[in-house]
PDB file of all heavy atoms in Angstrom:
ATOM      1  N   ALA A   1       0.832  -1.202   0.015  1.00  0.00           N
ATOM      2  CA  ALA A   1       0.001  -0.008  -0.016  1.00  0.00           C
ATOM      3  C   ALA A   1       0.887   1.257   0.007  1.00  0.00           C
ATOM      4  O   ALA A   1       0.283   2.355   0.152  1.00  0.00           O
ATOM      5  CB  ALA A   1      -0.927  -0.008   1.221  1.00  0.00           C
ATOM      6  N   ASP A   2       2.159   1.118  -0.134  1.00  0.00           N
ATOM      7  CA  ASP A   2       3.036   2.291  -0.096  1.00  0.00           C
ATOM      8  C   ASP A   2       2.708   3.348  -1.110  1.00  0.00           C
ATOM      9  O   ASP A   2       2.781   4.513  -0.867  1.00  0.00           O
ATOM     10  CB  ASP A   2       4.552   1.843  -0.227  1.00  0.00           C
ATOM     11  CG  ASP A   2       5.063   1.184   0.987  1.00  0.00           C
ATOM     12  OD1 ASP A   2       4.307   1.127   1.956  1.00  0.00           O
ATOM     13  OD2 ASP A   2       6.143   0.648   0.937  1.00  0.00           O
ATOM     14  N   ILE A   3       2.365   2.923  -2.339  1.00  0.00           N
ATOM     15  CA  ILE A   3       2.064   3.837  -3.411  1.00  0.00           C
ATOM     16  C   ILE A   3       0.891   4.762  -3.050  1.00  0.00           C
ATOM     17  O   ILE A   3       0.853   5.949  -3.458  1.00  0.00           O
ATOM     18  CB  ILE A   3       1.791   3.126  -4.739  1.00  0.00           C
ATOM     19  CG1 ILE A   3       1.687   4.112  -5.912  1.00  0.00           C
ATOM     20  CG2 ILE A   3       0.535   2.294  -4.623  1.00  0.00           C
ATOM     21  CD1 ILE A   3       1.633   3.455  -7.213  1.00  0.00           C
ATOM     22  N   ILE A   4      -0.048   4.225  -2.252  1.00  0.00           N
ATOM     23  CA  ILE A   4      -1.190   5.066  -1.867  1.00  0.00           C
ATOM     24  C   ILE A   4      -0.874   5.804  -0.557  1.00  0.00           C
ATOM     25  O   ILE A   4      -1.116   7.071  -0.509  1.00  0.00           O
ATOM     26  CB  ILE A   4      -2.407   4.160  -1.588  1.00  0.00           C
ATOM     27  CG1 ILE A   4      -2.826   3.441  -2.802  1.00  0.00           C
ATOM     28  CG2 ILE A   4      -3.552   4.966  -1.071  1.00  0.00           C
ATOM     29  CD1 ILE A   4      -3.989   2.499  -2.655  1.00  0.00           C
ATOM     30  N   ILE A   5      -0.214   5.247   0.334  1.00  0.00           N
ATOM     31  CA  ILE A   5       0.142   5.800   1.649  1.00  0.00           C
ATOM     32  C   ILE A   5       1.081   7.055   1.384  1.00  0.00           C
ATOM     33  O   ILE A   5       0.976   8.122   2.144  1.00  0.00           O
ATOM     34  CB  ILE A   5       0.767   4.863   2.631  1.00  0.00           C
ATOM     35  CG1 ILE A   5      -0.333   3.798   3.012  1.00  0.00           C
ATOM     36  CG2 ILE A   5       1.240   5.549   3.900  1.00  0.00           C
ATOM     37  CD1 ILE A   5       0.171   2.688   3.863  1.00  0.00           C
ATOM     38  N   SER A   6       1.996   6.933   0.475  1.00  0.00           N
ATOM     39  CA  SER A   6       2.958   7.976   0.235  1.00  0.00           C
ATOM     40  C   SER A   6       2.359   9.258  -0.375  1.00  0.00           C
ATOM     41  O   SER A   6       2.984  10.313  -0.299  1.00  0.00           O
ATOM     42  CB  SER A   6       4.063   7.517  -0.680  1.00  0.00           C
ATOM     43  OG  SER A   6       3.562   7.083  -1.921  1.00  0.00           O
ATOM     44  N   ASN A   7       1.143   9.167  -0.928  1.00  0.00           N
ATOM     45  CA  ASN A   7       0.550  10.331  -1.541  1.00  0.00           C
ATOM     46  C   ASN A   7      -0.998  10.170  -1.480  1.00  0.00           C
ATOM     47  O   ASN A   7      -1.677   9.931  -2.419  1.00  0.00           O
ATOM     48  CB  ASN A   7       1.034  10.490  -3.003  1.00  0.00           C
ATOM     49  CG  ASN A   7       0.630  11.789  -3.553  1.00  0.00           C
ATOM     50  OD1 ASN A   7      -0.092  12.573  -2.926  1.00  0.00           O
ATOM     51  ND2 ASN A   7       1.098  12.112  -4.805  1.00  0.00           N
ATOM     52  N   LEU A   8      -1.515  10.297  -0.235  1.00  0.00           N
ATOM     53  CA  LEU A   8      -2.918  10.089   0.036  1.00  0.00           C
ATOM     54  C   LEU A   8      -3.804  11.131  -0.762  1.00  0.00           C
ATOM     55  O   LEU A   8      -4.881  10.793  -1.238  1.00  0.00           O
ATOM     56  CB  LEU A   8      -3.250  10.223   1.484  1.00  0.00           C
ATOM     57  CG  LEU A   8      -2.652   8.985   2.344  1.00  0.00           C
ATOM     58  CD1 LEU A   8      -2.922   9.355   3.823  1.00  0.00           C
ATOM     59  CD2 LEU A   8      -3.448   7.678   1.988  1.00  0.00           C
ATOM     60  N   ARG A   9      -3.303  12.340  -0.855  1.00  0.00           N
ATOM     61  CA  ARG A   9      -4.068  13.373  -1.546  1.00  0.00           C
ATOM     62  C   ARG A   9      -4.399  13.005  -3.019  1.00  0.00           C
ATOM     63  O   ARG A   9      -5.443  13.303  -3.538  1.00  0.00           O
ATOM     64  CB  ARG A   9      -3.373  14.758  -1.475  1.00  0.00           C
ATOM     65  CG  ARG A   9      -4.149  15.867  -2.109  1.00  0.00           C
ATOM     66  CD  ARG A   9      -3.452  17.197  -1.942  1.00  0.00           C
ATOM     67  NE  ARG A   9      -3.441  17.553  -0.508  1.00  0.00           N
ATOM     68  CZ  ARG A   9      -4.473  18.175   0.139  1.00  0.00           C
ATOM     69  NH1 ARG A   9      -5.585  18.439  -0.528  1.00  0.00           N
ATOM     70  NH2 ARG A   9      -4.468  18.479   1.399  1.00  0.00           N
ATOM     71  N   ARG A  10      -3.374  12.407  -3.651  1.00  0.00           N
ATOM     72  CA  ARG A  10      -3.528  12.038  -5.015  1.00  0.00           C
ATOM     73  C   ARG A  10      -4.641  11.063  -5.215  1.00  0.00           C
ATOM     74  O   ARG A  10      -5.356  11.017  -6.300  1.00  0.00           O
ATOM     75  CB  ARG A  10      -2.202  11.443  -5.542  1.00  0.00           C
ATOM     76  CG  ARG A  10      -2.318  10.902  -6.985  1.00  0.00           C
ATOM     77  CD  ARG A  10      -1.051  10.307  -7.448  1.00  0.00           C
ATOM     78  NE  ARG A  10      -1.085   9.727  -8.747  1.00  0.00           N
ATOM     79  CZ  ARG A  10      -0.153   8.956  -9.394  1.00  0.00           C
ATOM     80  NH1 ARG A  10       0.975   8.756  -8.685  1.00  0.00           N
ATOM     81  NH2 ARG A  10      -0.304   8.510 -10.519  1.00  0.00           N
ATOM     82  N   TYR A  11      -4.908  10.188  -4.221  1.00  0.00           N
ATOM     83  CA  TYR A  11      -5.907   9.199  -4.333  1.00  0.00           C
ATOM     84  C   TYR A  11      -7.249   9.597  -3.598  1.00  0.00           C
ATOM     85  O   TYR A  11      -8.116   8.779  -3.390  1.00  0.00           O
ATOM     86  CB  TYR A  11      -5.461   7.874  -3.741  1.00  0.00           C
ATOM     87  CG  TYR A  11      -4.273   7.302  -4.520  1.00  0.00           C
ATOM     88  CD1 TYR A  11      -2.980   7.584  -4.274  1.00  0.00           C
ATOM     89  CD2 TYR A  11      -4.577   6.441  -5.555  1.00  0.00           C
ATOM     90  CE1 TYR A  11      -1.945   7.020  -4.989  1.00  0.00           C
ATOM     91  CE2 TYR A  11      -3.567   5.859  -6.430  1.00  0.00           C
ATOM     92  CZ  TYR A  11      -2.229   6.194  -6.049  1.00  0.00           C
ATOM     93  OH  TYR A  11      -1.296   5.630  -6.853  1.00  0.00           O
ATOM     94  N   GLY A  12      -7.409  10.956  -3.382  1.00  0.00           N
ATOM     95  CA  GLY A  12      -8.689  11.424  -2.989  1.00  0.00           C
ATOM     96  C   GLY A  12      -8.878  11.485  -1.503  1.00  0.00           C
ATOM     97  O   GLY A  12      -9.936  11.865  -1.009  1.00  0.00           O
ATOM     98  N   TYR A  13      -7.807  11.235  -0.721  1.00  0.00           N
ATOM     99  CA  TYR A  13      -7.880  11.244   0.755  1.00  0.00           C
ATOM    100  C   TYR A  13      -7.359  12.599   1.185  1.00  0.00           C
ATOM    101  O   TYR A  13      -6.251  13.025   0.867  1.00  0.00           O
ATOM    102  CB  TYR A  13      -7.077  10.179   1.362  1.00  0.00           C
ATOM    103  CG  TYR A  13      -7.585   8.821   1.101  1.00  0.00           C
ATOM    104  CD1 TYR A  13      -7.036   8.049   0.074  1.00  0.00           C
ATOM    105  CD2 TYR A  13      -8.615   8.253   1.826  1.00  0.00           C
ATOM    106  CE1 TYR A  13      -7.501   6.732  -0.207  1.00  0.00           C
ATOM    107  CE2 TYR A  13      -9.090   6.960   1.527  1.00  0.00           C
ATOM    108  CZ  TYR A  13      -8.520   6.229   0.482  1.00  0.00           C
ATOM    109  OH  TYR A  13      -8.996   4.985   0.194  1.00  0.00           O
ATOM    110  N   LYS A  14      -8.190  13.362   1.963  1.00  0.00           N
ATOM    111  CA  LYS A  14      -7.694  14.576   2.535  1.00  0.00           C
ATOM    112  C   LYS A  14      -8.308  14.800   3.906  1.00  0.00           C
ATOM    113  O   LYS A  14      -9.328  14.117   4.284  1.00  0.00           O
ATOM    114  CB  LYS A  14      -8.113  15.774   1.593  1.00  0.00           C
ATOM    115  CG  LYS A  14      -9.604  15.838   1.303  1.00  0.00           C
ATOM    116  CD  LYS A  14      -9.914  16.929   0.343  1.00  0.00           C
ATOM    117  CE  LYS A  14     -11.419  17.019   0.036  1.00  0.00           C
ATOM    118  NZ  LYS A  14     -11.751  18.094  -0.927  1.00  0.00           N
ATOM    119  N   TRP A  15      -7.785  15.728   4.662  1.00  0.00           N
ATOM    120  CA  TRP A  15      -8.246  15.922   6.027  1.00  0.00           C
ATOM    121  C   TRP A  15      -9.654  16.458   6.012  1.00  0.00           C
ATOM    122  O   TRP A  15     -10.016  17.402   5.217  1.00  0.00           O
ATOM    123  CB  TRP A  15      -7.323  16.903   6.762  1.00  0.00           C
ATOM    124  CG  TRP A  15      -7.797  17.124   8.143  1.00  0.00           C
ATOM    125  CD1 TRP A  15      -7.540  16.295   9.235  1.00  0.00           C
ATOM    126  CD2 TRP A  15      -8.606  18.244   8.654  1.00  0.00           C
ATOM    127  NE1 TRP A  15      -8.151  16.789  10.379  1.00  0.00           N
ATOM    128  CE2 TRP A  15      -8.762  17.942  10.065  1.00  0.00           C
ATOM    129  CE3 TRP A  15      -9.128  19.305   8.067  1.00  0.00           C
ATOM    130  CZ2 TRP A  15      -9.511  18.829  10.850  1.00  0.00           C
ATOM    131  CZ3 TRP A  15      -9.877  20.155   8.892  1.00  0.00           C
ATOM    132  CH2 TRP A  15     -10.048  19.949  10.243  1.00  0.00           C
ATOM    133  N   ASP A  16     -10.475  15.946   6.840  1.00  0.00           N
ATOM    134  CA  ASP A  16     -11.845  16.321   6.977  1.00  0.00           C
ATOM    135  C   ASP A  16     -12.253  16.257   8.448  1.00  0.00           C
ATOM    136  O   ASP A  16     -12.233  15.141   9.077  1.00  0.00           O
ATOM    137  CB  ASP A  16     -12.800  15.481   6.116  1.00  0.00           C
ATOM    138  CG  ASP A  16     -14.230  15.915   6.193  1.00  0.00           C
ATOM    139  OD1 ASP A  16     -14.595  16.745   7.052  1.00  0.00           O
ATOM    140  OD2 ASP A  16     -15.054  15.411   5.369  1.00  0.00           O
ATOM    141  N   PHE A  17     -12.532  17.391   9.094  1.00  0.00           N
ATOM    142  CA  PHE A  17     -12.785  17.366  10.549  1.00  0.00           C
ATOM    143  C   PHE A  17     -13.946  16.481  10.930  1.00  0.00           C
ATOM    144  O   PHE A  17     -14.099  16.063  12.045  1.00  0.00           O
ATOM    145  CB  PHE A  17     -12.994  18.803  11.107  1.00  0.00           C
ATOM    146  CG  PHE A  17     -14.246  19.362  10.751  1.00  0.00           C
ATOM    147  CD1 PHE A  17     -15.378  19.281  11.625  1.00  0.00           C
ATOM    148  CD2 PHE A  17     -14.421  20.091   9.528  1.00  0.00           C
ATOM    149  CE1 PHE A  17     -16.570  19.886  11.270  1.00  0.00           C
ATOM    150  CE2 PHE A  17     -15.614  20.658   9.166  1.00  0.00           C
ATOM    151  CZ  PHE A  17     -16.727  20.547  10.096  1.00  0.00           C
ATOM    152  N   THR A  18     -14.859  16.247   9.995  1.00  0.00           N
ATOM    153  CA  THR A  18     -16.017  15.380  10.264  1.00  0.00           C
ATOM    154  C   THR A  18     -15.675  13.883  10.107  1.00  0.00           C
ATOM    155  O   THR A  18     -16.424  13.042  10.642  1.00  0.00           O
ATOM    156  CB  THR A  18     -17.206  15.713   9.306  1.00  0.00           C
ATOM    157  OG1 THR A  18     -16.840  15.433   7.939  1.00  0.00           O
ATOM    158  CG2 THR A  18     -17.665  17.170   9.534  1.00  0.00           C
ATOM    159  N   ALA A  19     -14.681  13.561   9.341  1.00  0.00           N
ATOM    160  CA  ALA A  19     -14.316  12.156   9.030  1.00  0.00           C
ATOM    161  C   ALA A  19     -12.952  11.760   9.578  1.00  0.00           C
ATOM    162  O   ALA A  19     -12.558  10.595   9.484  1.00  0.00           O
ATOM    163  CB  ALA A  19     -14.353  11.893   7.542  1.00  0.00           C
ATOM    164  N   GLY A  20     -12.208  12.695  10.185  1.00  0.00           N
ATOM    165  CA  GLY A  20     -10.911  12.373  10.682  1.00  0.00           C
ATOM    166  C   GLY A  20      -9.844  12.665   9.702  1.00  0.00           C
ATOM    167  O   GLY A  20     -10.065  13.230   8.612  1.00  0.00           O
ATOM    168  N   SER A  21      -8.618  12.274   9.990  1.00  0.00           N
ATOM    169  CA  SER A  21      -7.530  12.510   9.120  1.00  0.00           C
ATOM    170  C   SER A  21      -7.550  11.676   7.906  1.00  0.00           C
ATOM    171  O   SER A  21      -8.376  10.707   7.791  1.00  0.00           O
ATOM    172  CB  SER A  21      -6.215  12.182   9.899  1.00  0.00           C
ATOM    173  OG  SER A  21      -6.079  10.809  10.147  1.00  0.00           O
ATOM    174  N   ALA A  22      -6.702  11.992   6.937  1.00  0.00           N
ATOM    175  CA  ALA A  22      -6.622  11.158   5.694  1.00  0.00           C
ATOM    176  C   ALA A  22      -6.311   9.678   5.985  1.00  0.00           C
ATOM    177  O   ALA A  22      -6.816   8.752   5.376  1.00  0.00           O
ATOM    178  CB  ALA A  22      -5.685  11.745   4.693  1.00  0.00           C
ATOM    179  N   GLU A  23      -5.364   9.524   6.969  1.00  0.00           N
ATOM    180  CA  GLU A  23      -4.988   8.155   7.369  1.00  0.00           C
ATOM    181  C   GLU A  23      -6.198   7.387   7.924  1.00  0.00           C
ATOM    182  O   GLU A  23      -6.407   6.228   7.650  1.00  0.00           O
ATOM    183  CB  GLU A  23      -3.843   8.256   8.349  1.00  0.00           C
ATOM    184  CG  GLU A  23      -2.556   8.702   7.760  1.00  0.00           C
ATOM    185  CD  GLU A  23      -2.428  10.231   7.759  1.00  0.00           C
ATOM    186  OE1 GLU A  23      -3.434  10.825   8.121  1.00  0.00           O
ATOM    187  OE2 GLU A  23      -1.373  10.772   7.365  1.00  0.00           O
ATOM    188  N   ASP A  24      -7.006   8.115   8.794  1.00  0.00           N
ATOM    189  CA  ASP A  24      -8.165   7.450   9.349  1.00  0.00           C
ATOM    190  C   ASP A  24      -9.155   7.127   8.288  1.00  0.00           C
ATOM    191  O   ASP A  24      -9.767   5.983   8.374  1.00  0.00           O
ATOM    192  CB  ASP A  24      -8.835   8.417  10.413  1.00  0.00           C
ATOM    193  CG  ASP A  24      -7.992   8.580  11.582  1.00  0.00           C
ATOM    194  OD1 ASP A  24      -7.159   7.674  11.930  1.00  0.00           O
ATOM    195  OD2 ASP A  24      -8.116   9.609  12.301  1.00  0.00           O
ATOM    196  N   GLN A  25      -9.358   7.982   7.235  1.00  0.00           N
ATOM    197  CA  GLN A  25     -10.260   7.663   6.218  1.00  0.00           C
ATOM    198  C   GLN A  25      -9.817   6.396   5.458  1.00  0.00           C
ATOM    199  O   GLN A  25     -10.636   5.568   5.093  1.00  0.00           O
ATOM    200  CB  GLN A  25     -10.328   8.813   5.233  1.00  0.00           C
ATOM    201  CG  GLN A  25     -10.974  10.032   5.863  1.00  0.00           C
ATOM    202  CD  GLN A  25     -11.020  11.233   4.902  1.00  0.00           C
ATOM    203  OE1 GLN A  25     -11.386  11.057   3.673  1.00  0.00           O
ATOM    204  NE2 GLN A  25     -10.624  12.397   5.304  1.00  0.00           N
ATOM    205  N   LEU A  26      -8.461   6.255   5.159  1.00  0.00           N
ATOM    206  CA  LEU A  26      -7.988   5.120   4.462  1.00  0.00           C
ATOM    207  C   LEU A  26      -8.219   3.804   5.272  1.00  0.00           C
ATOM    208  O   LEU A  26      -8.657   2.782   4.746  1.00  0.00           O
ATOM    209  CB  LEU A  26      -6.483   5.269   4.168  1.00  0.00           C
ATOM    210  CG  LEU A  26      -5.739   4.086   3.591  1.00  0.00           C
ATOM    211  CD1 LEU A  26      -6.328   3.774   2.223  1.00  0.00           C
ATOM    212  CD2 LEU A  26      -4.232   4.313   3.484  1.00  0.00           C
ATOM    213  N   ARG A  27      -7.916   3.849   6.552  1.00  0.00           N
ATOM    214  CA  ARG A  27      -8.195   2.737   7.427  1.00  0.00           C
ATOM    215  C   ARG A  27      -9.644   2.378   7.469  1.00  0.00           C
ATOM    216  O   ARG A  27     -10.011   1.184   7.473  1.00  0.00           O
ATOM    217  CB  ARG A  27      -7.633   2.934   8.832  1.00  0.00           C
ATOM    218  CG  ARG A  27      -6.078   2.810   8.877  1.00  0.00           C
ATOM    219  CD  ARG A  27      -5.636   2.701  10.308  1.00  0.00           C
ATOM    220  NE  ARG A  27      -5.871   4.011  11.032  1.00  0.00           N
ATOM    221  CZ  ARG A  27      -4.925   4.924  11.119  1.00  0.00           C
ATOM    222  NH1 ARG A  27      -3.765   4.810  10.527  1.00  0.00           N
ATOM    223  NH2 ARG A  27      -5.163   6.127  11.757  1.00  0.00           N
ATOM    224  N   SER A  28     -10.517   3.345   7.545  1.00  0.00           N
ATOM    225  CA  SER A  28     -11.956   3.090   7.592  1.00  0.00           C
ATOM    226  C   SER A  28     -12.357   2.378   6.324  1.00  0.00           C
ATOM    227  O   SER A  28     -13.242   1.476   6.336  1.00  0.00           O
ATOM    228  CB  SER A  28     -12.772   4.408   7.807  1.00  0.00           C
ATOM    229  OG  SER A  28     -12.453   4.947   8.969  1.00  0.00           O
ATOM    230  N   GLN A  29     -11.808   2.845   5.143  1.00  0.00           N
ATOM    231  CA  GLN A  29     -12.211   2.184   3.871  1.00  0.00           C
ATOM    232  C   GLN A  29     -11.743   0.780   3.836  1.00  0.00           C
ATOM    233  O   GLN A  29     -12.425  -0.117   3.288  1.00  0.00           O
ATOM    234  CB  GLN A  29     -11.661   2.935   2.743  1.00  0.00           C
ATOM    235  CG  GLN A  29     -12.095   2.482   1.361  1.00  0.00           C
ATOM    236  CD  GLN A  29     -11.816   3.460   0.253  1.00  0.00           C
ATOM    237  OE1 GLN A  29     -11.854   4.642   0.399  1.00  0.00           O
ATOM    238  NE2 GLN A  29     -11.538   2.982  -0.945  1.00  0.00           N
ATOM    239  N   LEU A  30     -10.527   0.513   4.344  1.00  0.00           N
ATOM    240  CA  LEU A  30     -10.012  -0.818   4.445  1.00  0.00           C
ATOM    241  C   LEU A  30     -10.885  -1.770   5.322  1.00  0.00           C
ATOM    242  O   LEU A  30     -11.126  -2.884   4.990  1.00  0.00           O
ATOM    243  CB  LEU A  30      -8.593  -0.832   4.946  1.00  0.00           C
ATOM    244  CG  LEU A  30      -7.492  -0.356   4.008  1.00  0.00           C
ATOM    245  CD1 LEU A  30      -6.183  -0.204   4.744  1.00  0.00           C
ATOM    246  CD2 LEU A  30      -7.362  -1.272   2.834  1.00  0.00           C
ATOM    247  N   GLU A  31     -11.408  -1.130   6.403  1.00  0.00           N
ATOM    248  CA  GLU A  31     -12.269  -1.957   7.270  1.00  0.00           C
ATOM    249  C   GLU A  31     -13.532  -2.280   6.555  1.00  0.00           C
ATOM    250  O   GLU A  31     -13.984  -3.451   6.696  1.00  0.00           O
ATOM    251  CB  GLU A  31     -12.577  -1.128   8.575  1.00  0.00           C
ATOM    252  CG  GLU A  31     -11.325  -0.925   9.470  1.00  0.00           C
ATOM    253  CD  GLU A  31     -11.622   0.028  10.565  1.00  0.00           C
ATOM    254  OE1 GLU A  31     -12.800   0.408  10.753  1.00  0.00           O
ATOM    255  OE2 GLU A  31     -10.666   0.454  11.302  1.00  0.00           O
ATOM    256  N   ARG A  32     -14.143  -1.334   5.844  1.00  0.00           N
ATOM    257  CA  ARG A  32     -15.366  -1.643   5.129  1.00  0.00           C
ATOM    258  C   ARG A  32     -15.083  -2.715   4.050  1.00  0.00           C
ATOM    259  O   ARG A  32     -15.929  -3.570   3.809  1.00  0.00           O
ATOM    260  CB  ARG A  32     -15.933  -0.320   4.514  1.00  0.00           C
ATOM    261  CG  ARG A  32     -16.480   0.619   5.451  1.00  0.00           C
ATOM    262  CD  ARG A  32     -17.272   1.702   4.743  1.00  0.00           C
ATOM    263  NE  ARG A  32     -16.454   2.525   3.897  1.00  0.00           N
ATOM    264  CZ  ARG A  32     -15.841   3.635   4.285  1.00  0.00           C
ATOM    265  NH1 ARG A  32     -15.905   4.017   5.573  1.00  0.00           N
ATOM    266  NH2 ARG A  32     -15.100   4.312   3.414  1.00  0.00           N
ATOM    267  N   MET A  33     -13.953  -2.651   3.378  1.00  0.00           N
ATOM    268  CA  MET A  33     -13.650  -3.624   2.317  1.00  0.00           C
ATOM    269  C   MET A  33     -13.462  -4.967   2.909  1.00  0.00           C
ATOM    270  O   MET A  33     -13.919  -5.966   2.388  1.00  0.00           O
ATOM    271  CB  MET A  33     -12.323  -3.164   1.650  1.00  0.00           C
ATOM    272  CG  MET A  33     -11.866  -4.093   0.537  1.00  0.00           C
ATOM    273  SD  MET A  33     -10.368  -3.555  -0.230  1.00  0.00           S
ATOM    274  CE  MET A  33      -9.176  -3.787   1.116  1.00  0.00           C
TER     275      MET A  33
END
């Protein structure tokens, strides 16, 4: 997952105070998957 983790913004992840940090959003999506 390095290619995504190294540039989260490129893959649509960005900080959102309602959804948490970009890292939190990525982990949440992995949990749903």
